[in-house]
């Protein structure tokens, strides 16, 4: 397991951009041809990622409270208590999501987001 202080600055910048609802800082963390897969929905490239993030992250004022961070062969898993102004009718409460990051050349090239069912104890299927 990785100490939170040992996380790459890029992931710290990503989390800061999310928590400050800064769309420009958020998109700057991604490579031009990056992939985001959010609950089995794929968004390829900065334009698609920006459309998704503007609506579902920035406008929804999503926030992260980092719970665990694990480094595995150069990739990072960030488990975070996630909240915001989104439709919570089908969301777990509390909502813990796992964010899997692959970084190349100082940019996020892949981010996969899935529900952490173990920590999201009140999961609504």
C-alpha atoms as a PDB file:
ATOM      1  CA  UNK A   1       0.000   0.000   0.000  1.00  0.00           C
ATOM      2  CA  UNK A   2       1.220   3.478  -0.838  1.00  0.00           C
ATOM      3  CA  UNK A   3       1.351   6.316   1.636  1.00  0.00           C
ATOM      4  CA  UNK A   4      -0.933   9.201   0.584  1.00  0.00           C
ATOM      5  CA  UNK A   5       2.106  11.485   0.541  1.00  0.00           C
ATOM      6  CA  UNK A   6       3.813   9.224  -2.025  1.00  0.00           C
ATOM      7  CA  UNK A   7       1.077   9.626  -4.619  1.00  0.00           C
ATOM      8  CA  UNK A   8       2.203  11.263  -7.861  1.00  0.00           C
ATOM      9  CA  UNK A   9       1.597  14.998  -7.998  1.00  0.00           C
ATOM     10  CA  UNK A  10      -0.616  14.417 -11.051  1.00  0.00           C
ATOM     11  CA  UNK A  11      -3.134  12.414  -8.986  1.00  0.00           C
ATOM     12  CA  UNK A  12      -2.998  15.047  -6.251  1.00  0.00           C
ATOM     13  CA  UNK A  13      -3.716  17.671  -8.950  1.00  0.00           C
ATOM     14  CA  UNK A  14      -6.625  15.566 -10.257  1.00  0.00           C
ATOM     15  CA  UNK A  15      -8.170  15.252  -6.774  1.00  0.00           C
ATOM     16  CA  UNK A  16      -7.659  18.962  -6.115  1.00  0.00           C
ATOM     17  CA  UNK A  17      -9.343  19.858  -9.428  1.00  0.00           C
ATOM     18  CA  UNK A  18     -12.320  17.650  -8.581  1.00  0.00           C
ATOM     19  CA  UNK A  19     -12.703  19.044  -5.077  1.00  0.00           C
ATOM     20  CA  UNK A  20     -12.426  22.648  -6.288  1.00  0.00           C
ATOM     21  CA  UNK A  21     -14.771  21.939  -9.250  1.00  0.00           C
ATOM     22  CA  UNK A  22     -12.156  23.307 -11.659  1.00  0.00           C
ATOM     23  CA  UNK A  23     -12.939  21.875 -15.091  1.00  0.00           C
ATOM     24  CA  UNK A  24      -9.842  23.311 -16.767  1.00  0.00           C
ATOM     25  CA  UNK A  25      -7.465  21.946 -14.145  1.00  0.00           C
ATOM     26  CA  UNK A  26      -9.317  18.608 -14.294  1.00  0.00           C
ATOM     27  CA  UNK A  27      -8.963  18.139 -18.054  1.00  0.00           C
ATOM     28  CA  UNK A  28      -5.293  19.219 -17.994  1.00  0.00           C
ATOM     29  CA  UNK A  29      -4.445  16.063 -16.045  1.00  0.00           C
ATOM     30  CA  UNK A  30      -5.425  13.850 -19.026  1.00  0.00           C
ATOM     31  CA  UNK A  31      -3.517  12.897 -22.167  1.00  0.00           C
ATOM     32  CA  UNK A  32      -5.098  13.932 -25.472  1.00  0.00           C
ATOM     33  CA  UNK A  33      -6.050  10.322 -26.283  1.00  0.00           C
ATOM     34  CA  UNK A  34      -6.926   9.208 -22.744  1.00  0.00           C
ATOM     35  CA  UNK A  35      -9.675   6.759 -21.843  1.00  0.00           C
ATOM     36  CA  UNK A  36     -12.118   7.216 -18.980  1.00  0.00           C
ATOM     37  CA  UNK A  37     -14.416   4.319 -18.218  1.00  0.00           C
ATOM     38  CA  UNK A  38     -17.069   5.343 -15.712  1.00  0.00           C
ATOM     39  CA  UNK A  39     -19.314   2.435 -14.716  1.00  0.00           C
ATOM     40  CA  UNK A  40     -18.876   0.660 -18.078  1.00  0.00           C
ATOM     41  CA  UNK A  41     -19.291   3.839 -20.148  1.00  0.00           C
ATOM     42  CA  UNK A  42     -16.176   4.665 -22.169  1.00  0.00           C
ATOM     43  CA  UNK A  43     -15.094   8.204 -23.030  1.00  0.00           C
ATOM     44  CA  UNK A  44     -12.134   8.417 -25.439  1.00  0.00           C
ATOM     45  CA  UNK A  45     -10.073  11.589 -25.827  1.00  0.00           C
ATOM     46  CA  UNK A  46     -10.097  14.935 -24.062  1.00  0.00           C
ATOM     47  CA  UNK A  47     -13.215  16.266 -25.818  1.00  0.00           C
ATOM     48  CA  UNK A  48     -15.376  13.316 -24.755  1.00  0.00           C
ATOM     49  CA  UNK A  49     -13.857  13.293 -21.275  1.00  0.00           C
ATOM     50  CA  UNK A  50     -14.510  17.032 -20.913  1.00  0.00           C
ATOM     51  CA  UNK A  51     -18.177  16.659 -21.925  1.00  0.00           C
ATOM     52  CA  UNK A  52     -18.574  13.856 -19.375  1.00  0.00           C
ATOM     53  CA  UNK A  53     -16.649  15.592 -16.599  1.00  0.00           C
ATOM     54  CA  UNK A  54     -18.275  18.999 -17.072  1.00  0.00           C
ATOM     55  CA  UNK A  55     -21.703  17.447 -16.516  1.00  0.00           C
ATOM     56  CA  UNK A  56     -21.053  14.575 -14.143  1.00  0.00           C
ATOM     57  CA  UNK A  57     -18.111  15.815 -12.094  1.00  0.00           C
ATOM     58  CA  UNK A  58     -17.775  19.598 -12.244  1.00  0.00           C
ATOM     59  CA  UNK A  59     -21.427  20.711 -12.573  1.00  0.00           C
ATOM     60  CA  UNK A  60     -22.473  18.026 -10.063  1.00  0.00           C
ATOM     61  CA  UNK A  61     -19.855  19.399  -7.634  1.00  0.00           C
ATOM     62  CA  UNK A  62     -18.443  15.944  -6.951  1.00  0.00           C
ATOM     63  CA  UNK A  63     -15.992  15.735  -4.071  1.00  0.00           C
ATOM     64  CA  UNK A  64     -13.487  13.069  -3.034  1.00  0.00           C
ATOM     65  CA  UNK A  65     -12.318  12.169   0.422  1.00  0.00           C
ATOM     66  CA  UNK A  66      -9.406   9.821  -0.158  1.00  0.00           C
ATOM     67  CA  UNK A  67      -9.703   6.664   1.892  1.00  0.00           C
ATOM     68  CA  UNK A  68      -6.998   4.338   0.529  1.00  0.00           C
ATOM     69  CA  UNK A  69      -4.321   4.555  -2.139  1.00  0.00           C
ATOM     70  CA  UNK A  70      -2.520   1.551  -3.553  1.00  0.00           C
ATOM     71  CA  UNK A  71       0.296   1.474  -6.114  1.00  0.00           C
ATOM     72  CA  UNK A  72       0.540  -1.669  -8.240  1.00  0.00           C
ATOM     73  CA  UNK A  73       3.216  -1.946 -10.953  1.00  0.00           C
ATOM     74  CA  UNK A  74       3.094   1.770 -11.608  1.00  0.00           C
ATOM     75  CA  UNK A  75      -0.704   2.060 -11.678  1.00  0.00           C
ATOM     76  CA  UNK A  76      -2.648   3.603  -8.810  1.00  0.00           C
ATOM     77  CA  UNK A  77      -5.936   2.671  -7.160  1.00  0.00           C
ATOM     78  CA  UNK A  78      -7.575   5.461  -5.196  1.00  0.00           C
ATOM     79  CA  UNK A  79     -10.569   4.502  -3.068  1.00  0.00           C
ATOM     80  CA  UNK A  80     -12.517   7.613  -2.182  1.00  0.00           C
ATOM     81  CA  UNK A  81     -15.671   8.531  -0.351  1.00  0.00           C
ATOM     82  CA  UNK A  82     -17.473  10.335  -3.158  1.00  0.00           C
ATOM     83  CA  UNK A  83     -20.269  12.876  -2.802  1.00  0.00           C
ATOM     84  CA  UNK A  84     -21.869  15.674  -4.787  1.00  0.00           C
ATOM     85  CA  UNK A  85     -25.084  17.038  -6.276  1.00  0.00           C
ATOM     86  CA  UNK A  86     -26.020  14.059  -8.451  1.00  0.00           C
ATOM     87  CA  UNK A  87     -29.030  11.728  -8.518  1.00  0.00           C
ATOM     88  CA  UNK A  88     -28.521   9.648  -5.399  1.00  0.00           C
ATOM     89  CA  UNK A  89     -31.711   7.609  -5.736  1.00  0.00           C
ATOM     90  CA  UNK A  90     -29.754   4.598  -7.015  1.00  0.00           C
ATOM     91  CA  UNK A  91     -26.431   5.320  -5.322  1.00  0.00           C
ATOM     92  CA  UNK A  92     -24.988   3.645  -2.267  1.00  0.00           C
ATOM     93  CA  UNK A  93     -24.881   5.685   0.924  1.00  0.00           C
ATOM     94  CA  UNK A  94     -22.069   6.123   1.741  1.00  0.00           C
ATOM     95  CA  UNK A  95     -20.668   5.966  -1.796  1.00  0.00           C
ATOM     96  CA  UNK A  96     -17.115   4.677  -2.077  1.00  0.00           C
ATOM     97  CA  UNK A  97     -15.679   4.491  -5.565  1.00  0.00           C
ATOM     98  CA  UNK A  98     -12.462   2.954  -6.803  1.00  0.00           C
ATOM     99  CA  UNK A  99     -10.527   5.070  -9.312  1.00  0.00           C
ATOM    100  CA  UNK A 100      -7.874   3.124 -11.226  1.00  0.00           C
ATOM    101  CA  UNK A 101      -5.241   5.388 -12.825  1.00  0.00           C
ATOM    102  CA  UNK A 102      -2.610   4.657 -15.458  1.00  0.00           C
ATOM    103  CA  UNK A 103      -0.104   7.468 -15.956  1.00  0.00           C
ATOM    104  CA  UNK A 104       2.299   7.940 -18.862  1.00  0.00           C
ATOM    105  CA  UNK A 105       4.474  10.966 -19.603  1.00  0.00           C
ATOM    106  CA  UNK A 106       2.975  13.049 -16.763  1.00  0.00           C
ATOM    107  CA  UNK A 107      -0.650  12.617 -17.883  1.00  0.00           C
ATOM    108  CA  UNK A 108      -3.503  10.277 -17.034  1.00  0.00           C
ATOM    109  CA  UNK A 109      -3.918   7.924 -19.994  1.00  0.00           C
ATOM    110  CA  UNK A 110      -6.566   5.729 -18.404  1.00  0.00           C
ATOM    111  CA  UNK A 111      -8.998   6.090 -15.507  1.00  0.00           C
ATOM    112  CA  UNK A 112     -11.512   3.417 -14.652  1.00  0.00           C
ATOM    113  CA  UNK A 113     -14.218   4.100 -12.051  1.00  0.00           C
ATOM    114  CA  UNK A 114     -16.116   1.330 -10.284  1.00  0.00           C
ATOM    115  CA  UNK A 115     -18.180   0.938  -7.142  1.00  0.00           C
ATOM    116  CA  UNK A 116     -16.365  -0.351  -4.092  1.00  0.00           C
ATOM    117  CA  UNK A 117     -19.107  -2.710  -2.870  1.00  0.00           C
ATOM    118  CA  UNK A 118     -17.273  -3.636   0.319  1.00  0.00           C
ATOM    119  CA  UNK A 119     -17.161  -0.070   1.621  1.00  0.00           C
ATOM    120  CA  UNK A 120     -20.454   1.057   0.061  1.00  0.00           C
ATOM    121  CA  UNK A 121     -22.420  -1.080   2.486  1.00  0.00           C
ATOM    122  CA  UNK A 122     -25.847   0.258   1.585  1.00  0.00           C
ATOM    123  CA  UNK A 123     -25.509  -0.530  -2.121  1.00  0.00           C
ATOM    124  CA  UNK A 124     -28.848  -0.411  -3.974  1.00  0.00           C
ATOM    125  CA  UNK A 125     -28.911  -2.861  -6.875  1.00  0.00           C
END
